[in-house]
Amino acid sequence: MNTNLNSQIPAARSLSSEGWATVAGVIGSALLVAKKFLTQKAAKPEPMSRADFYAELLALKDHIHAGQLAILEKLDANHRELLGALEWQANRISALESGLARVDERTRN
């Protein structure tokens, strides 16, 4: 053991680029391992039984059928409205034609 109080303290060695790469690799690996063990795993959905699947499918079919019926009712209402407007126009045209025919008869004599 050296008892000289004035002895030189050895200088700290600096790390080379390879040393820094090694340190970064070790820290990165530690972070990845910690992430793997600390993160929660997503819950797997429970498989649906065949009966439940067909029950859901039947409910969806009924829902779609109800939507189609609503659309058909709206189409029927629009169709009736258009037929009524067409009948009104036909009556108007008939009245105009009969009036024109009377005017035509008066002017011929």
C-alpha atoms as a PDB file:
ATOM      1  CA  MET A   1       0.000   0.000   0.000  1.00  0.00           C
ATOM      2  CA  ASN A   2       1.247   3.413  -0.921  1.00  0.00           C
ATOM      3  CA  THR A   3       1.364   5.822   2.017  1.00  0.00           C
ATOM      4  CA  ASN A   4       2.364   8.810  -0.032  1.00  0.00           C
ATOM      5  CA  LEU A   5      -0.438  11.382   0.260  1.00  0.00           C
ATOM      6  CA  ASN A   6       0.749  13.286  -2.781  1.00  0.00           C
ATOM      7  CA  SER A   7       0.457  10.362  -5.144  1.00  0.00           C
ATOM      8  CA  GLN A   8      -1.358  10.785  -8.423  1.00  0.00           C
ATOM      9  CA  ILE A   9      -4.955   9.580  -8.679  1.00  0.00           C
ATOM     10  CA  PRO A  10      -5.386   7.643 -11.869  1.00  0.00           C
ATOM     11  CA  ALA A  11      -7.531   9.488 -14.418  1.00  0.00           C
ATOM     12  CA  ALA A  12     -10.932   7.988 -15.252  1.00  0.00           C
ATOM     13  CA  ARG A  13     -10.966   6.285 -18.610  1.00  0.00           C
ATOM     14  CA  SER A  14     -13.501   7.572 -21.126  1.00  0.00           C
ATOM     15  CA  LEU A  15     -15.679   5.102 -22.972  1.00  0.00           C
ATOM     16  CA  SER A  16     -15.137   4.520 -26.636  1.00  0.00           C
ATOM     17  CA  SER A  17     -18.009   4.507 -29.125  1.00  0.00           C
ATOM     18  CA  GLU A  18     -18.200   0.730 -28.825  1.00  0.00           C
ATOM     19  CA  GLY A  19     -18.556   1.061 -25.071  1.00  0.00           C
ATOM     20  CA  TRP A  20     -21.389   3.588 -25.455  1.00  0.00           C
ATOM     21  CA  ALA A  21     -23.106   1.282 -27.963  1.00  0.00           C
ATOM     22  CA  THR A  22     -22.844  -1.579 -25.485  1.00  0.00           C
ATOM     23  CA  VAL A  23     -24.313   0.542 -22.681  1.00  0.00           C
ATOM     24  CA  ALA A  24     -27.172   1.703 -24.945  1.00  0.00           C
ATOM     25  CA  GLY A  25     -27.850  -1.906 -25.988  1.00  0.00           C
ATOM     26  CA  VAL A  26     -27.983  -3.126 -22.403  1.00  0.00           C
ATOM     27  CA  ILE A  27     -30.314  -0.285 -21.364  1.00  0.00           C
ATOM     28  CA  GLY A  28     -32.559  -0.861 -24.400  1.00  0.00           C
ATOM     29  CA  SER A  29     -32.748  -4.586 -23.734  1.00  0.00           C
ATOM     30  CA  ALA A  30     -33.615  -3.949 -20.092  1.00  0.00           C
ATOM     31  CA  LEU A  31     -36.393  -1.570 -21.139  1.00  0.00           C
ATOM     32  CA  LEU A  32     -37.827  -4.105 -23.600  1.00  0.00           C
ATOM     33  CA  VAL A  33     -37.815  -6.878 -20.999  1.00  0.00           C
ATOM     34  CA  ALA A  34     -39.462  -4.565 -18.446  1.00  0.00           C
ATOM     35  CA  LYS A  35     -42.079  -3.549 -20.998  1.00  0.00           C
ATOM     36  CA  LYS A  36     -42.839  -7.166 -21.823  1.00  0.00           C
ATOM     37  CA  PHE A  37     -43.432  -8.121 -18.211  1.00  0.00           C
ATOM     38  CA  LEU A  38     -45.144  -4.937 -17.015  1.00  0.00           C
ATOM     39  CA  THR A  39     -47.646  -4.307 -19.793  1.00  0.00           C
ATOM     40  CA  GLN A  40     -51.104  -5.838 -19.497  1.00  0.00           C
ATOM     41  CA  LYS A  41     -52.015  -8.421 -22.027  1.00  0.00           C
ATOM     42  CA  ALA A  42     -55.167  -7.855 -24.035  1.00  0.00           C
ATOM     43  CA  ALA A  43     -58.010 -10.054 -22.948  1.00  0.00           C
ATOM     44  CA  LYS A  44     -58.943 -12.624 -25.522  1.00  0.00           C
ATOM     45  CA  PRO A  45     -62.606 -12.542 -26.450  1.00  0.00           C
ATOM     46  CA  GLU A  46     -64.534 -15.558 -25.339  1.00  0.00           C
ATOM     47  CA  PRO A  47     -65.597 -17.763 -28.217  1.00  0.00           C
ATOM     48  CA  MET A  48     -69.283 -17.537 -29.065  1.00  0.00           C
ATOM     49  CA  SER A  49     -71.317 -20.690 -29.059  1.00  0.00           C
ATOM     50  CA  ARG A  50     -73.133 -21.740 -32.196  1.00  0.00           C
ATOM     51  CA  ALA A  51     -76.530 -21.176 -30.550  1.00  0.00           C
ATOM     52  CA  ASP A  52     -75.557 -17.642 -29.474  1.00  0.00           C
ATOM     53  CA  PHE A  53     -74.239 -16.915 -32.959  1.00  0.00           C
ATOM     54  CA  TYR A  54     -77.464 -18.029 -34.601  1.00  0.00           C
ATOM     55  CA  ALA A  55     -79.541 -16.091 -32.050  1.00  0.00           C
ATOM     56  CA  GLU A  56     -77.568 -12.919 -32.842  1.00  0.00           C
ATOM     57  CA  LEU A  57     -77.875 -13.630 -36.556  1.00  0.00           C
ATOM     58  CA  LEU A  58     -81.650 -14.040 -36.222  1.00  0.00           C
ATOM     59  CA  ALA A  59     -81.913 -10.766 -34.276  1.00  0.00           C
ATOM     60  CA  LEU A  60     -79.878  -9.000 -36.965  1.00  0.00           C
ATOM     61  CA  LYS A  61     -82.089 -10.509 -39.672  1.00  0.00           C
ATOM     62  CA  ASP A  62     -85.212  -9.258 -37.868  1.00  0.00           C
ATOM     63  CA  HIS A  63     -83.684  -5.797 -37.505  1.00  0.00           C
ATOM     64  CA  ILE A  64     -82.837  -5.640 -41.209  1.00  0.00           C
ATOM     65  CA  HIS A  65     -86.311  -6.928 -42.097  1.00  0.00           C
ATOM     66  CA  ALA A  66     -87.917  -4.183 -39.970  1.00  0.00           C
ATOM     67  CA  GLY A  67     -85.802  -1.585 -41.773  1.00  0.00           C
ATOM     68  CA  GLN A  68     -86.850  -2.957 -45.138  1.00  0.00           C
ATOM     69  CA  LEU A  69     -90.513  -2.844 -44.116  1.00  0.00           C
ATOM     70  CA  ALA A  70     -90.145   0.798 -43.074  1.00  0.00           C
ATOM     71  CA  ILE A  71     -88.571   1.633 -46.428  1.00  0.00           C
ATOM     72  CA  LEU A  72     -91.370  -0.200 -48.273  1.00  0.00           C
ATOM     73  CA  GLU A  73     -94.019   1.733 -46.315  1.00  0.00           C
ATOM     74  CA  LYS A  74     -92.355   5.018 -47.263  1.00  0.00           C
ATOM     75  CA  LEU A  75     -92.192   3.925 -50.903  1.00  0.00           C
ATOM     76  CA  ASP A  76     -95.892   3.023 -50.845  1.00  0.00           C
ATOM     77  CA  ALA A  77     -96.776   6.399 -49.307  1.00  0.00           C
ATOM     78  CA  ASN A  78     -94.740   8.211 -51.967  1.00  0.00           C
ATOM     79  CA  HIS A  79     -96.338   6.076 -54.688  1.00  0.00           C
ATOM     80  CA  ARG A  80     -99.847   6.918 -53.456  1.00  0.00           C
ATOM     81  CA  GLU A  81     -98.931  10.609 -53.319  1.00  0.00           C
ATOM     82  CA  LEU A  82     -97.603  10.529 -56.881  1.00  0.00           C
ATOM     83  CA  LEU A  83    -100.693   8.680 -58.137  1.00  0.00           C
ATOM     84  CA  GLY A  84    -102.912  11.293 -56.482  1.00  0.00           C
ATOM     85  CA  ALA A  85    -100.937  14.144 -58.092  1.00  0.00           C
ATOM     86  CA  LEU A  86    -101.085  12.363 -61.455  1.00  0.00           C
ATOM     87  CA  GLU A  87    -104.863  11.889 -61.171  1.00  0.00           C
ATOM     88  CA  TRP A  88    -105.273  15.571 -60.306  1.00  0.00           C
ATOM     89  CA  GLN A  89    -103.203  16.518 -63.361  1.00  0.00           C
ATOM     90  CA  ALA A  90    -105.240  14.137 -65.557  1.00  0.00           C
ATOM     91  CA  ASN A  91    -108.495  15.719 -64.330  1.00  0.00           C
ATOM     92  CA  ARG A  92    -107.095  19.184 -64.993  1.00  0.00           C
ATOM     93  CA  ILE A  93    -106.003  18.194 -68.516  1.00  0.00           C
ATOM     94  CA  SER A  94    -109.432  16.641 -69.198  1.00  0.00           C
ATOM     95  CA  ALA A  95    -111.123  19.860 -68.062  1.00  0.00           C
ATOM     96  CA  LEU A  96    -108.853  21.931 -70.279  1.00  0.00           C
ATOM     97  CA  GLU A  97    -109.474  19.629 -73.269  1.00  0.00           C
ATOM     98  CA  SER A  98    -113.249  19.791 -72.832  1.00  0.00           C
ATOM     99  CA  GLY A  99    -113.091  23.589 -72.535  1.00  0.00           C
ATOM    100  CA  LEU A 100    -110.940  23.776 -75.651  1.00  0.00           C
ATOM    101  CA  ALA A 101    -113.367  21.474 -77.505  1.00  0.00           C
ATOM    102  CA  ARG A 102    -116.278  23.801 -76.610  1.00  0.00           C
ATOM    103  CA  VAL A 103    -114.333  26.835 -77.811  1.00  0.00           C
ATOM    104  CA  ASP A 104    -113.491  24.978 -81.015  1.00  0.00           C
ATOM    105  CA  GLU A 105    -117.202  24.138 -81.621  1.00  0.00           C
ATOM    106  CA  ARG A 106    -118.233  27.767 -81.117  1.00  0.00           C
ATOM    107  CA  THR A 107    -115.652  29.069 -83.557  1.00  0.00           C
ATOM    108  CA  ARG A 108    -116.587  26.591 -86.338  1.00  0.00           C
ATOM    109  CA  ASN A 109    -120.189  27.748 -86.627  1.00  0.00           C
END
